[in-house]
Amino acid sequence: MTGVKMADDKAQQPTFVIAAPQDDQPKKSSRLTRKNILIAVVSLVITALILIAVLVGIRLYSDHELESLKLQYSMNMKDKDNQNVNQNVSADANANIVQYDVQKDGVKATILQDFDKGIQVSRVESESGVACYLAALNRSNAQEPSKLPTTTPTPGDDSQTRQLVYKVDNKPIKDLSFLGKRASTLCANVPTHWMVPSCDGDETGLTNSTSADATHSVQKRATVCATCGGYYCVCGCCNAVCGSFASSTYTWYYSNGVYYCTYYMYYVSCRVYLNAYPYYNCYLGGRQYYYPWS
């Protein structure tokens, strides 16, 4: 009987060996080379120079915008009290702006008329303080830059006078950026208010008085010529305007043969045209007022 020898066929299990990968690549140095540092410095310098050039360009443009006003003419006159009255008229044809700078008896006024924005800005400076007033530009009372004379006009005895009365909003305007660079610079850090034309005030009789019993007074710089309904009245341009005043004085300027007297009011009690005879003089209670000065 032949014996059969069974081989030990027990399956051999494969053996797996996991070895850590060998890093044959050389490690990169974390240090910057001199070339990298030089490139970074040059880039920073170029960036700084570009930034400086942009800022300088903006500044030069702004300065040019402010300095582009061209003087058209100057007027130097004397009022009845032998006080100097000076008016300079400038214009910027590109910006479509006309500016009147007037000085009289301690009062300095700048009236800027922006025809593109349709706004008139008035800065009034006197002993009682400084304020700016904004109003919609009345184009019928204004001359565009292209229509301004280039030589000094000579006001005649028959020059007209026009009274402009505005009611001022008590609430100041905080953001002036909408005015543009020139006007916002003019009124920077100055109380600025909106105002609208007023038709208030009936023609009525005036009391020739400068007594202090009026219920609403104006500052001492105003020319008080009468009282009406318990309010002081200020005379100018052959008119008397009475009420509560936002500014202690009216302002005036001469344009296109017309003297404009502007009053800034909180409340208008009454206003009266002072019948002038002869036509270049105004009278009230025996006192004479020469236009455009009271």
C-alpha atoms as a PDB file:
ATOM      1  CA  MET A   1       0.000   0.000   0.000  1.00  0.00           C
ATOM      2  CA  THR A   2       1.523   2.950  -1.133  1.00  0.00           C
ATOM      3  CA  GLY A   3       1.423   5.813   1.375  1.00  0.00           C
ATOM      4  CA  VAL A   4       0.645   9.246   0.148  1.00  0.00           C
ATOM      5  CA  LYS A   5       2.543  12.000   1.881  1.00  0.00           C
ATOM      6  CA  MET A   6       0.506  15.151   2.116  1.00  0.00           C
ATOM      7  CA  ALA A   7       2.630  18.153   1.760  1.00  0.00           C
ATOM      8  CA  ASP A   8       2.103  20.949   4.204  1.00  0.00           C
ATOM      9  CA  ASP A   9       0.395  23.251   1.744  1.00  0.00           C
ATOM     10  CA  LYS A  10      -0.523  25.813   4.357  1.00  0.00           C
ATOM     11  CA  ALA A  11      -0.800  29.117   2.465  1.00  0.00           C
ATOM     12  CA  GLN A  12       1.999  31.478   2.993  1.00  0.00           C
ATOM     13  CA  GLN A  13       0.797  34.995   3.942  1.00  0.00           C
ATOM     14  CA  PRO A  14       2.554  37.829   2.029  1.00  0.00           C
ATOM     15  CA  THR A  15       4.585  40.206   4.092  1.00  0.00           C
ATOM     16  CA  PHE A  16       4.261  43.990   3.521  1.00  0.00           C
ATOM     17  CA  VAL A  17       6.918  46.355   4.651  1.00  0.00           C
ATOM     18  CA  ILE A  18       6.007  50.105   4.869  1.00  0.00           C
ATOM     19  CA  ALA A  19       9.025  52.284   4.754  1.00  0.00           C
ATOM     20  CA  ALA A  20       9.122  56.056   5.246  1.00  0.00           C
ATOM     21  CA  PRO A  21       9.751  57.905   1.963  1.00  0.00           C
ATOM     22  CA  GLN A  22      13.181  59.158   1.520  1.00  0.00           C
ATOM     23  CA  ASP A  23      13.453  62.952   1.034  1.00  0.00           C
ATOM     24  CA  ASP A  24      16.018  63.155  -1.602  1.00  0.00           C
ATOM     25  CA  GLN A  25      15.218  66.848  -2.360  1.00  0.00           C
ATOM     26  CA  PRO A  26      17.362  69.474  -0.647  1.00  0.00           C
ATOM     27  CA  LYS A  27      15.481  71.785   1.775  1.00  0.00           C
ATOM     28  CA  LYS A  28      14.777  75.324   0.513  1.00  0.00           C
ATOM     29  CA  SER A  29      16.236  78.133   2.465  1.00  0.00           C
ATOM     30  CA  SER A  30      13.638  80.480   4.110  1.00  0.00           C
ATOM     31  CA  ARG A  31      15.966  83.413   3.967  1.00  0.00           C
ATOM     32  CA  LEU A  32      15.429  86.178   1.398  1.00  0.00           C
ATOM     33  CA  THR A  33      18.255  86.799  -0.908  1.00  0.00           C
ATOM     34  CA  ARG A  34      19.649  90.264  -1.418  1.00  0.00           C
ATOM     35  CA  LYS A  35      17.971  90.343  -4.803  1.00  0.00           C
ATOM     36  CA  ASN A  36      14.520  89.732  -3.270  1.00  0.00           C
ATOM     37  CA  ILE A  37      15.050  92.481  -0.713  1.00  0.00           C
ATOM     38  CA  LEU A  38      16.196  94.922  -3.380  1.00  0.00           C
ATOM     39  CA  ILE A  39      13.130  94.198  -5.534  1.00  0.00           C
ATOM     40  CA  ALA A  40      10.797  94.737  -2.551  1.00  0.00           C
ATOM     41  CA  VAL A  41      12.412  98.055  -1.619  1.00  0.00           C
ATOM     42  CA  VAL A  42      12.295  99.331  -5.192  1.00  0.00           C
ATOM     43  CA  SER A  43       8.611  98.361  -5.454  1.00  0.00           C
ATOM     44  CA  LEU A  44       7.775 100.253  -2.251  1.00  0.00           C
ATOM     45  CA  VAL A  45       9.641 103.335  -3.429  1.00  0.00           C
ATOM     46  CA  ILE A  46       7.865 103.305  -6.803  1.00  0.00           C
ATOM     47  CA  THR A  47       4.471 102.886  -5.094  1.00  0.00           C
ATOM     48  CA  ALA A  48       5.213 105.780  -2.734  1.00  0.00           C
ATOM     49  CA  LEU A  49       6.275 108.036  -5.607  1.00  0.00           C
ATOM     50  CA  ILE A  50       3.104 107.248  -7.552  1.00  0.00           C
ATOM     51  CA  LEU A  51       0.974 108.020  -4.483  1.00  0.00           C
ATOM     52  CA  ILE A  52       2.789 111.313  -3.898  1.00  0.00           C
ATOM     53  CA  ALA A  53       2.352 112.274  -7.559  1.00  0.00           C
ATOM     54  CA  VAL A  54      -1.398 111.577  -7.367  1.00  0.00           C
ATOM     55  CA  LEU A  55      -1.787 113.634  -4.172  1.00  0.00           C
ATOM     56  CA  VAL A  56       0.220 116.518  -5.606  1.00  0.00           C
ATOM     57  CA  GLY A  57      -1.887 116.412  -8.780  1.00  0.00           C
ATOM     58  CA  ILE A  58      -5.096 116.552  -6.763  1.00  0.00           C
ATOM     59  CA  ARG A  59      -3.756 119.481  -4.715  1.00  0.00           C
ATOM     60  CA  LEU A  60      -2.633 121.382  -7.808  1.00  0.00           C
ATOM     61  CA  TYR A  61      -6.019 120.811  -9.443  1.00  0.00           C
ATOM     62  CA  SER A  62      -7.827 122.034  -6.325  1.00  0.00           C
ATOM     63  CA  ASP A  63      -5.589 125.091  -6.033  1.00  0.00           C
ATOM     64  CA  HIS A  64      -6.112 125.851  -9.706  1.00  0.00           C
ATOM     65  CA  GLU A  65      -9.860 125.546  -9.235  1.00  0.00           C
ATOM     66  CA  LEU A  66      -9.736 128.061  -6.390  1.00  0.00           C
ATOM     67  CA  GLU A  67      -7.336 130.422  -8.139  1.00  0.00           C
ATOM     68  CA  SER A  68      -8.952 130.382 -11.578  1.00  0.00           C
ATOM     69  CA  LEU A  69     -11.150 133.387 -10.805  1.00  0.00           C
ATOM     70  CA  LYS A  70     -10.192 136.254 -13.088  1.00  0.00           C
ATOM     71  CA  LEU A  71     -10.754 139.818 -11.924  1.00  0.00           C
ATOM     72  CA  GLN A  72     -13.115 141.588 -14.315  1.00  0.00           C
ATOM     73  CA  TYR A  73     -13.214 145.051 -12.749  1.00  0.00           C
ATOM     74  CA  SER A  74     -12.990 146.987  -9.468  1.00  0.00           C
ATOM     75  CA  MET A  75     -15.145 149.819  -8.161  1.00  0.00           C
ATOM     76  CA  ASN A  76     -13.980 152.271  -5.482  1.00  0.00           C
ATOM     77  CA  MET A  77     -16.504 154.805  -4.235  1.00  0.00           C
ATOM     78  CA  LYS A  78     -17.383 157.046  -1.306  1.00  0.00           C
ATOM     79  CA  ASP A  79     -20.678 157.039   0.554  1.00  0.00           C
ATOM     80  CA  LYS A  80     -22.372 160.075   2.092  1.00  0.00           C
ATOM     81  CA  ASP A  81     -20.314 159.662   5.279  1.00  0.00           C
ATOM     82  CA  ASN A  82     -17.133 159.625   3.206  1.00  0.00           C
ATOM     83  CA  GLN A  83     -16.688 155.913   3.911  1.00  0.00           C
ATOM     84  CA  ASN A  84     -14.826 153.850   1.332  1.00  0.00           C
ATOM     85  CA  VAL A  85     -16.887 151.310  -0.570  1.00  0.00           C
ATOM     86  CA  ASN A  86     -14.923 148.767  -2.581  1.00  0.00           C
ATOM     87  CA  GLN A  87     -16.270 146.127  -4.929  1.00  0.00           C
ATOM     88  CA  ASN A  88     -14.272 143.575  -6.921  1.00  0.00           C
ATOM     89  CA  VAL A  89     -16.017 141.455  -9.529  1.00  0.00           C
ATOM     90  CA  SER A  90     -14.344 138.220 -10.632  1.00  0.00           C
ATOM     91  CA  ALA A  91     -15.415 135.382 -12.897  1.00  0.00           C
ATOM     92  CA  ASP A  92     -14.487 131.855 -13.880  1.00  0.00           C
ATOM     93  CA  ALA A  93     -15.827 131.193 -17.363  1.00  0.00           C
ATOM     94  CA  ASN A  94     -14.994 127.464 -17.253  1.00  0.00           C
ATOM     95  CA  ALA A  95     -16.813 126.911 -13.961  1.00  0.00           C
ATOM     96  CA  ASN A  96     -19.539 129.413 -14.941  1.00  0.00           C
ATOM     97  CA  ILE A  97     -19.148 131.339 -11.669  1.00  0.00           C
ATOM     98  CA  VAL A  98     -19.284 135.064 -10.839  1.00  0.00           C
ATOM     99  CA  GLN A  99     -18.092 136.413  -7.501  1.00  0.00           C
ATOM    100  CA  TYR A 100     -18.671 139.845  -5.929  1.00  0.00           C
ATOM    101  CA  ASP A 101     -16.384 140.904  -3.064  1.00  0.00           C
ATOM    102  CA  VAL A 102     -17.656 144.017  -1.308  1.00  0.00           C
ATOM    103  CA  GLN A 103     -16.305 145.957   1.690  1.00  0.00           C
ATOM    104  CA  LYS A 104     -18.128 148.860   3.297  1.00  0.00           C
ATOM    105  CA  ASP A 105     -17.948 150.405   6.753  1.00  0.00           C
ATOM    106  CA  GLY A 106     -16.518 147.335   8.497  1.00  0.00           C
ATOM    107  CA  VAL A 107     -18.768 144.870   6.663  1.00  0.00           C
ATOM    108  CA  LYS A 108     -17.263 142.363   4.265  1.00  0.00           C
ATOM    109  CA  ALA A 109     -19.497 140.364   1.952  1.00  0.00           C
ATOM    110  CA  THR A 110     -18.797 137.777  -0.732  1.00  0.00           C
ATOM    111  CA  ILE A 111     -21.627 136.872  -3.107  1.00  0.00           C
ATOM    112  CA  LEU A 112     -20.835 133.836  -5.242  1.00  0.00           C
ATOM    113  CA  GLN A 113     -23.206 132.977  -8.085  1.00  0.00           C
ATOM    114  CA  ASP A 114     -22.846 129.468  -9.520  1.00  0.00           C
ATOM    115  CA  PHE A 115     -24.778 129.286 -12.787  1.00  0.00           C
ATOM    116  CA  ASP A 116     -24.171 125.558 -13.310  1.00  0.00           C
ATOM    117  CA  LYS A 117     -25.471 124.551  -9.882  1.00  0.00           C
ATOM    118  CA  GLY A 118     -28.091 127.306  -9.797  1.00  0.00           C
ATOM    119  CA  ILE A 119     -27.042 128.435  -6.307  1.00  0.00           C
ATOM    120  CA  GLN A 120     -26.076 131.774  -4.812  1.00  0.00           C
ATOM    121  CA  VAL A 121     -23.790 131.706  -1.766  1.00  0.00           C
ATOM    122  CA  SER A 122     -23.451 134.809   0.416  1.00  0.00           C
ATOM    123  CA  ARG A 123     -20.804 135.049   3.116  1.00  0.00           C
ATOM    124  CA  VAL A 124     -21.388 138.032   5.419  1.00  0.00           C
ATOM    125  CA  GLU A 125     -18.708 139.128   7.877  1.00  0.00           C
ATOM    126  CA  SER A 126     -19.211 141.968  10.362  1.00  0.00           C
ATOM    127  CA  GLU A 127     -18.510 142.777  13.992  1.00  0.00           C
ATOM    128  CA  SER A 128     -21.485 140.671  14.995  1.00  0.00           C
ATOM    129  CA  GLY A 129     -20.026 137.521  13.444  1.00  0.00           C
ATOM    130  CA  VAL A 130     -19.681 135.516  10.246  1.00  0.00           C
ATOM    131  CA  ALA A 131     -22.355 133.465   8.482  1.00  0.00           C
ATOM    132  CA  CYS A 132     -23.125 132.000   5.071  1.00  0.00           C
ATOM    133  CA  TYR A 133     -26.522 131.981   3.385  1.00  0.00           C
ATOM    134  CA  LEU A 134     -27.566 129.779   0.454  1.00  0.00           C
ATOM    135  CA  ALA A 135     -30.399 130.449  -1.971  1.00  0.00           C
ATOM    136  CA  ALA A 136     -31.546 129.390  -5.405  1.00  0.00           C
ATOM    137  CA  LEU A 137     -29.903 131.660  -7.958  1.00  0.00           C
ATOM    138  CA  ASN A 138     -32.295 134.218  -9.413  1.00  0.00           C
ATOM    139  CA  ARG A 139     -30.943 134.371 -12.945  1.00  0.00           C
ATOM    140  CA  SER A 140     -33.004 137.454 -13.773  1.00  0.00           C
ATOM    141  CA  ASN A 141     -30.910 139.379 -11.213  1.00  0.00           C
ATOM    142  CA  ALA A 142     -27.570 137.932 -12.301  1.00  0.00           C
ATOM    143  CA  GLN A 143     -25.001 138.359 -15.060  1.00  0.00           C
ATOM    144  CA  GLU A 144     -23.244 135.332 -16.485  1.00  0.00           C
ATOM    145  CA  PRO A 145     -19.424 135.473 -16.847  1.00  0.00           C
ATOM    146  CA  SER A 146     -19.654 135.995 -20.596  1.00  0.00           C
ATOM    147  CA  LYS A 147     -21.853 139.088 -20.123  1.00  0.00           C
ATOM    148  CA  LEU A 148     -19.742 140.866 -17.510  1.00  0.00           C
ATOM    149  CA  PRO A 149     -18.003 144.088 -18.525  1.00  0.00           C
ATOM    150  CA  THR A 150     -14.219 144.014 -18.557  1.00  0.00           C
ATOM    151  CA  THR A 151     -13.884 147.685 -17.637  1.00  0.00           C
ATOM    152  CA  THR A 152     -15.242 149.463 -14.593  1.00  0.00           C
ATOM    153  CA  PRO A 153     -18.833 150.627 -15.142  1.00  0.00           C
ATOM    154  CA  THR A 154     -19.900 154.103 -14.050  1.00  0.00           C
ATOM    155  CA  PRO A 155     -23.115 154.079 -11.989  1.00  0.00           C
ATOM    156  CA  GLY A 156     -25.421 156.905 -12.953  1.00  0.00           C
ATOM    157  CA  ASP A 157     -27.838 158.895 -10.853  1.00  0.00           C
ATOM    158  CA  ASP A 158     -30.626 157.030 -12.608  1.00  0.00           C
ATOM    159  CA  SER A 159     -29.305 153.581 -11.626  1.00  0.00           C
ATOM    160  CA  GLN A 160     -32.064 151.398 -10.266  1.00  0.00           C
ATOM    161  CA  THR A 161     -32.243 149.952  -6.753  1.00  0.00           C
ATOM    162  CA  ARG A 162     -33.694 146.573  -5.941  1.00  0.00           C
ATOM    163  CA  GLN A 163     -34.564 145.183  -2.533  1.00  0.00           C
ATOM    164  CA  LEU A 164     -33.982 141.456  -1.933  1.00  0.00           C
ATOM    165  CA  VAL A 165     -35.535 140.107   1.268  1.00  0.00           C
ATOM    166  CA  TYR A 166     -34.855 136.515   2.340  1.00  0.00           C
ATOM    167  CA  LYS A 167     -36.181 134.437   5.219  1.00  0.00           C
ATOM    168  CA  VAL A 168     -33.445 132.335   6.801  1.00  0.00           C
ATOM    169  CA  ASP A 169     -33.866 128.779   8.055  1.00  0.00           C
ATOM    170  CA  ASN A 170     -32.601 128.505  11.639  1.00  0.00           C
ATOM    171  CA  LYS A 171     -31.246 124.990  11.098  1.00  0.00           C
ATOM    172  CA  PRO A 172     -27.594 125.052   9.955  1.00  0.00           C
ATOM    173  CA  ILE A 173     -26.390 122.933   7.039  1.00  0.00           C
ATOM    174  CA  LYS A 174     -23.792 120.367   8.129  1.00  0.00           C
ATOM    175  CA  ASP A 175     -22.535 118.927   4.833  1.00  0.00           C
ATOM    176  CA  LEU A 176     -21.451 121.516   2.258  1.00  0.00           C
ATOM    177  CA  SER A 177     -19.796 119.138  -0.196  1.00  0.00           C
ATOM    178  CA  PHE A 178     -22.654 119.517  -2.688  1.00  0.00           C
ATOM    179  CA  LEU A 179     -21.614 123.153  -3.196  1.00  0.00           C
ATOM    180  CA  GLY A 180     -18.332 122.242  -4.854  1.00  0.00           C
ATOM    181  CA  LYS A 181     -14.773 123.103  -3.868  1.00  0.00           C
ATOM    182  CA  ARG A 182     -14.928 126.886  -4.136  1.00  0.00           C
ATOM    183  CA  ALA A 183     -18.177 127.515  -2.251  1.00  0.00           C
ATOM    184  CA  SER A 184     -17.559 124.864   0.401  1.00  0.00           C
ATOM    185  CA  THR A 185     -14.128 126.389   1.052  1.00  0.00           C
ATOM    186  CA  LEU A 186     -15.691 129.854   1.284  1.00  0.00           C
ATOM    187  CA  CYS A 187     -18.103 128.673   3.992  1.00  0.00           C
ATOM    188  CA  ALA A 188     -15.868 126.135   5.754  1.00  0.00           C
ATOM    189  CA  ASN A 189     -16.286 126.232   9.565  1.00  0.00           C
ATOM    190  CA  VAL A 190     -18.891 128.997   9.207  1.00  0.00           C
ATOM    191  CA  PRO A 191     -22.581 128.662  10.210  1.00  0.00           C
ATOM    192  CA  THR A 192     -24.414 128.116   6.919  1.00  0.00           C
ATOM    193  CA  HIS A 193     -28.178 128.346   6.379  1.00  0.00           C
ATOM    194  CA  TRP A 194     -30.689 127.992   3.576  1.00  0.00           C
ATOM    195  CA  MET A 195     -32.855 131.008   2.798  1.00  0.00           C
ATOM    196  CA  VAL A 196     -35.842 131.657   0.543  1.00  0.00           C
ATOM    197  CA  PRO A 197     -37.238 134.894  -0.937  1.00  0.00           C
ATOM    198  CA  SER A 198     -39.875 136.496   1.246  1.00  0.00           C
ATOM    199  CA  CYS A 199     -42.892 138.513   0.167  1.00  0.00           C
ATOM    200  CA  ASP A 200     -44.064 139.049   3.752  1.00  0.00           C
ATOM    201  CA  GLY A 201     -44.619 142.496   5.193  1.00  0.00           C
ATOM    202  CA  ASP A 202     -47.277 144.995   4.233  1.00  0.00           C
ATOM    203  CA  GLU A 203     -46.478 148.541   3.354  1.00  0.00           C
ATOM    204  CA  THR A 204     -47.488 150.501   6.408  1.00  0.00           C
ATOM    205  CA  GLY A 205     -46.577 153.566   8.391  1.00  0.00           C
ATOM    206  CA  LEU A 206     -43.240 153.737  10.151  1.00  0.00           C
ATOM    207  CA  THR A 207     -42.301 155.390  13.416  1.00  0.00           C
ATOM    208  CA  ASN A 208     -39.130 157.401  13.140  1.00  0.00           C
ATOM    209  CA  SER A 209     -37.417 155.975  16.210  1.00  0.00           C
ATOM    210  CA  THR A 210     -34.165 154.373  17.276  1.00  0.00           C
ATOM    211  CA  SER A 211     -35.268 153.780  20.866  1.00  0.00           C
ATOM    212  CA  ALA A 212     -34.514 150.491  22.594  1.00  0.00           C
ATOM    213  CA  ASP A 213     -38.171 149.687  23.326  1.00  0.00           C
ATOM    214  CA  ALA A 214     -38.529 147.558  20.202  1.00  0.00           C
ATOM    215  CA  THR A 215     -39.205 143.943  21.096  1.00  0.00           C
ATOM    216  CA  HIS A 216     -36.747 142.528  18.562  1.00  0.00           C
ATOM    217  CA  SER A 217     -33.498 144.399  18.134  1.00  0.00           C
ATOM    218  CA  VAL A 218     -30.686 144.128  15.655  1.00  0.00           C
ATOM    219  CA  GLN A 219     -26.992 144.362  16.343  1.00  0.00           C
ATOM    220  CA  LYS A 220     -25.377 147.760  16.706  1.00  0.00           C
ATOM    221  CA  ARG A 221     -23.814 147.587  13.225  1.00  0.00           C
ATOM    222  CA  ALA A 222     -27.214 147.820  11.565  1.00  0.00           C
ATOM    223  CA  THR A 223     -28.493 151.226  10.505  1.00  0.00           C
ATOM    224  CA  VAL A 224     -31.734 151.404  12.480  1.00  0.00           C
ATOM    225  CA  CYS A 225     -33.951 154.023  10.881  1.00  0.00           C
ATOM    226  CA  ALA A 226     -37.400 153.369  12.368  1.00  0.00           C
ATOM    227  CA  THR A 227     -39.666 150.918  14.173  1.00  0.00           C
ATOM    228  CA  CYS A 228     -42.754 149.131  12.919  1.00  0.00           C
ATOM    229  CA  GLY A 229     -45.073 147.006  15.027  1.00  0.00           C
ATOM    230  CA  GLY A 230     -42.505 146.790  17.796  1.00  0.00           C
ATOM    231  CA  TYR A 231     -39.690 145.732  15.469  1.00  0.00           C
ATOM    232  CA  TYR A 232     -36.640 147.660  14.377  1.00  0.00           C
ATOM    233  CA  CYS A 233     -36.317 148.694  10.744  1.00  0.00           C
ATOM    234  CA  VAL A 234     -33.167 148.912   8.653  1.00  0.00           C
ATOM    235  CA  CYS A 235     -32.983 151.262   5.664  1.00  0.00           C
ATOM    236  CA  GLY A 236     -31.125 150.685   2.431  1.00  0.00           C
ATOM    237  CA  CYS A 237     -31.737 150.994  -1.301  1.00  0.00           C
ATOM    238  CA  CYS A 238     -34.624 153.393  -0.604  1.00  0.00           C
ATOM    239  CA  ASN A 239     -36.431 150.700   1.411  1.00  0.00           C
ATOM    240  CA  ALA A 240     -37.076 150.109   5.087  1.00  0.00           C
ATOM    241  CA  VAL A 241     -37.306 146.465   6.186  1.00  0.00           C
ATOM    242  CA  CYS A 242     -38.553 145.660   9.680  1.00  0.00           C
ATOM    243  CA  GLY A 243     -38.582 142.486  11.732  1.00  0.00           C
ATOM    244  CA  SER A 244     -36.221 139.980  13.313  1.00  0.00           C
ATOM    245  CA  PHE A 245     -32.859 139.933  11.553  1.00  0.00           C
ATOM    246  CA  ALA A 246     -30.582 136.926  10.994  1.00  0.00           C
ATOM    247  CA  SER A 247     -27.711 139.235  10.071  1.00  0.00           C
ATOM    248  CA  SER A 248     -27.061 142.534  11.789  1.00  0.00           C
ATOM    249  CA  THR A 249     -26.606 144.272   8.457  1.00  0.00           C
ATOM    250  CA  TYR A 250     -27.831 144.091   4.912  1.00  0.00           C
ATOM    251  CA  THR A 251     -25.391 143.580   2.059  1.00  0.00           C
ATOM    252  CA  TRP A 252     -25.310 145.265  -1.307  1.00  0.00           C
ATOM    253  CA  TYR A 253     -23.605 144.901  -4.643  1.00  0.00           C
ATOM    254  CA  TYR A 254     -23.781 146.652  -7.992  1.00  0.00           C
ATOM    255  CA  SER A 255     -24.456 144.661 -11.153  1.00  0.00           C
ATOM    256  CA  ASN A 256     -25.642 145.561 -14.642  1.00  0.00           C
ATOM    257  CA  GLY A 257     -26.761 149.068 -13.673  1.00  0.00           C
ATOM    258  CA  VAL A 258     -28.683 147.977 -10.564  1.00  0.00           C
ATOM    259  CA  TYR A 259     -27.893 148.312  -6.849  1.00  0.00           C
ATOM    260  CA  TYR A 260     -29.026 145.192  -4.970  1.00  0.00           C
ATOM    261  CA  CYS A 261     -29.647 145.414  -1.223  1.00  0.00           C
ATOM    262  CA  THR A 262     -30.095 142.012   0.443  1.00  0.00           C
ATOM    263  CA  TYR A 263     -31.699 141.547   3.866  1.00  0.00           C
ATOM    264  CA  TYR A 264     -31.389 138.313   5.855  1.00  0.00           C
ATOM    265  CA  MET A 265     -34.445 137.864   8.079  1.00  0.00           C
ATOM    266  CA  TYR A 266     -36.012 135.388  10.490  1.00  0.00           C
ATOM    267  CA  TYR A 267     -39.277 137.279  10.499  1.00  0.00           C
ATOM    268  CA  VAL A 268     -40.531 140.184   8.379  1.00  0.00           C
ATOM    269  CA  SER A 269     -42.910 142.569  10.131  1.00  0.00           C
ATOM    270  CA  CYS A 270     -43.245 145.153   7.387  1.00  0.00           C
ATOM    271  CA  ARG A 271     -41.309 146.827   4.619  1.00  0.00           C
ATOM    272  CA  VAL A 272     -41.823 150.167   3.017  1.00  0.00           C
ATOM    273  CA  TYR A 273     -40.463 151.863  -0.069  1.00  0.00           C
ATOM    274  CA  LEU A 274     -39.162 155.300   0.862  1.00  0.00           C
ATOM    275  CA  ASN A 275     -40.509 157.684  -1.743  1.00  0.00           C
ATOM    276  CA  ALA A 276     -37.457 159.351  -3.195  1.00  0.00           C
ATOM    277  CA  TYR A 277     -37.440 162.971  -4.296  1.00  0.00           C
ATOM    278  CA  PRO A 278     -35.285 163.844  -5.982  1.00  0.00           C
ATOM    279  CA  TYR A 279     -34.994 160.338  -7.387  1.00  0.00           C
ATOM    280  CA  TYR A 280     -31.538 159.683  -5.990  1.00  0.00           C
ATOM    281  CA  ASN A 281     -32.393 160.534  -2.360  1.00  0.00           C
ATOM    282  CA  CYS A 282     -34.604 158.842   0.236  1.00  0.00           C
ATOM    283  CA  TYR A 283     -36.204 160.488   3.273  1.00  0.00           C
ATOM    284  CA  LEU A 284     -37.652 159.198   6.546  1.00  0.00           C
ATOM    285  CA  GLY A 285     -38.686 161.407   9.450  1.00  0.00           C
ATOM    286  CA  GLY A 286     -36.503 164.276   8.320  1.00  0.00           C
ATOM    287  CA  ARG A 287     -33.442 162.054   7.902  1.00  0.00           C
ATOM    288  CA  GLN A 288     -31.991 161.641   4.436  1.00  0.00           C
ATOM    289  CA  TYR A 289     -30.832 158.313   2.999  1.00  0.00           C
ATOM    290  CA  TYR A 290     -28.733 158.159  -0.132  1.00  0.00           C
ATOM    291  CA  TYR A 291     -28.957 154.932  -2.075  1.00  0.00           C
ATOM    292  CA  PRO A 292     -27.385 152.449  -2.136  1.00  0.00           C
ATOM    293  CA  TRP A 293     -26.170 153.400   1.312  1.00  0.00           C
ATOM    294  CA  SER A 294     -28.366 154.103   4.290  1.00  0.00           C
END
